[in-house]
Amino acid sequence: MYLDDNRLIKRPKVLQLLSVSSSTLRRWVKSGRFPPPIDNGDAHLSWQFKDVHLWLSNR
């Protein structure tokens, strides 16, 4: 199966993948522990799949 590393995943999916709360994710981003979201022009917070996957791989 082909997975596009550049695809965007929204905050609910990131929270599910990391098994953390919204407040924990917010703290991690603010402290630099987790990559910041991508500004894609809408009101939703999104991350590139490759950034989340890399972070999980190095955890």
C-alpha atoms as a PDB file:
ATOM      1  CA  MET A   1       0.000   0.000   0.000  1.00  0.00           C
ATOM      2  CA  TYR A   2       1.271   3.474  -0.905  1.00  0.00           C
ATOM      3  CA  LEU A   3       1.204   6.091   1.857  1.00  0.00           C
ATOM      4  CA  ASP A   4       1.878   9.726   1.063  1.00  0.00           C
ATOM      5  CA  ASP A   5       4.349  11.019   3.661  1.00  0.00           C
ATOM      6  CA  ASN A   6       3.311  14.600   2.910  1.00  0.00           C
ATOM      7  CA  ARG A   7      -0.367  14.062   3.667  1.00  0.00           C
ATOM      8  CA  LEU A   8      -1.803  16.065   6.527  1.00  0.00           C
ATOM      9  CA  ILE A   9      -3.352  14.454   9.562  1.00  0.00           C
ATOM     10  CA  LYS A  10      -5.650  16.424  11.839  1.00  0.00           C
ATOM     11  CA  ARG A  11      -5.395  16.853  15.584  1.00  0.00           C
ATOM     12  CA  PRO A  12      -7.929  14.106  16.546  1.00  0.00           C
ATOM     13  CA  LYS A  13      -5.880  11.502  14.650  1.00  0.00           C
ATOM     14  CA  VAL A  14      -2.604  12.787  16.120  1.00  0.00           C
ATOM     15  CA  LEU A  15      -4.103  12.572  19.617  1.00  0.00           C
ATOM     16  CA  GLN A  16      -5.183   9.000  18.889  1.00  0.00           C
ATOM     17  CA  LEU A  17      -1.752   8.003  17.530  1.00  0.00           C
ATOM     18  CA  LEU A  18       0.044   9.510  20.519  1.00  0.00           C
ATOM     19  CA  SER A  19      -2.547   8.428  23.117  1.00  0.00           C
ATOM     20  CA  VAL A  20      -2.417  11.846  24.786  1.00  0.00           C
ATOM     21  CA  SER A  21      -4.895  14.586  25.648  1.00  0.00           C
ATOM     22  CA  SER A  22      -5.262  17.888  23.810  1.00  0.00           C
ATOM     23  CA  SER A  23      -3.628  19.751  26.679  1.00  0.00           C
ATOM     24  CA  THR A  24      -0.622  17.396  26.678  1.00  0.00           C
ATOM     25  CA  LEU A  25      -0.172  17.821  22.926  1.00  0.00           C
ATOM     26  CA  ARG A  26      -0.413  21.606  23.315  1.00  0.00           C
ATOM     27  CA  ARG A  27       2.262  21.562  26.063  1.00  0.00           C
ATOM     28  CA  TRP A  28       4.552  19.335  23.983  1.00  0.00           C
ATOM     29  CA  VAL A  29       4.279  21.658  20.966  1.00  0.00           C
ATOM     30  CA  LYS A  30       4.833  24.769  23.100  1.00  0.00           C
ATOM     31  CA  SER A  31       7.908  23.252  24.762  1.00  0.00           C
ATOM     32  CA  GLY A  32       9.366  21.986  21.456  1.00  0.00           C
ATOM     33  CA  ARG A  33       8.977  18.334  22.432  1.00  0.00           C
ATOM     34  CA  PHE A  34       6.642  17.722  19.456  1.00  0.00           C
ATOM     35  CA  PRO A  35       6.694  19.338  15.984  1.00  0.00           C
ATOM     36  CA  PRO A  36       4.413  22.356  15.500  1.00  0.00           C
ATOM     37  CA  PRO A  37       1.302  22.025  13.330  1.00  0.00           C
ATOM     38  CA  ILE A  38       1.240  23.119   9.699  1.00  0.00           C
ATOM     39  CA  ASP A  39      -0.679  26.284   8.852  1.00  0.00           C
ATOM     40  CA  ASN A  40      -2.794  25.070   5.951  1.00  0.00           C
ATOM     41  CA  GLY A  41      -5.086  28.093   5.856  1.00  0.00           C
ATOM     42  CA  ASP A  42      -8.077  26.654   7.663  1.00  0.00           C
ATOM     43  CA  ALA A  43      -9.001  26.582  11.333  1.00  0.00           C
ATOM     44  CA  HIS A  44      -7.902  22.961  11.850  1.00  0.00           C
ATOM     45  CA  LEU A  45      -4.553  21.993  13.325  1.00  0.00           C
ATOM     46  CA  SER A  46      -2.773  19.495  11.087  1.00  0.00           C
ATOM     47  CA  TRP A  47       0.615  17.809  10.977  1.00  0.00           C
ATOM     48  CA  GLN A  48       2.479  16.177   8.132  1.00  0.00           C
ATOM     49  CA  PHE A  49       2.364  12.421   8.480  1.00  0.00           C
ATOM     50  CA  LYS A  50       6.136  12.155   7.997  1.00  0.00           C
ATOM     51  CA  ASP A  51       6.798  14.472  10.974  1.00  0.00           C
ATOM     52  CA  VAL A  52       4.539  12.479  13.291  1.00  0.00           C
ATOM     53  CA  HIS A  53       5.916   9.163  12.045  1.00  0.00           C
ATOM     54  CA  LEU A  54       9.518  10.335  12.542  1.00  0.00           C
ATOM     55  CA  TRP A  55       8.726  11.580  16.051  1.00  0.00           C
ATOM     56  CA  LEU A  56       7.110   8.242  16.955  1.00  0.00           C
ATOM     57  CA  SER A  57      10.055   6.313  15.481  1.00  0.00           C
ATOM     58  CA  ASN A  58      12.556   8.268  17.564  1.00  0.00           C
ATOM     59  CA  ARG A  59      10.568   8.069  20.754  1.00  0.00           C
END
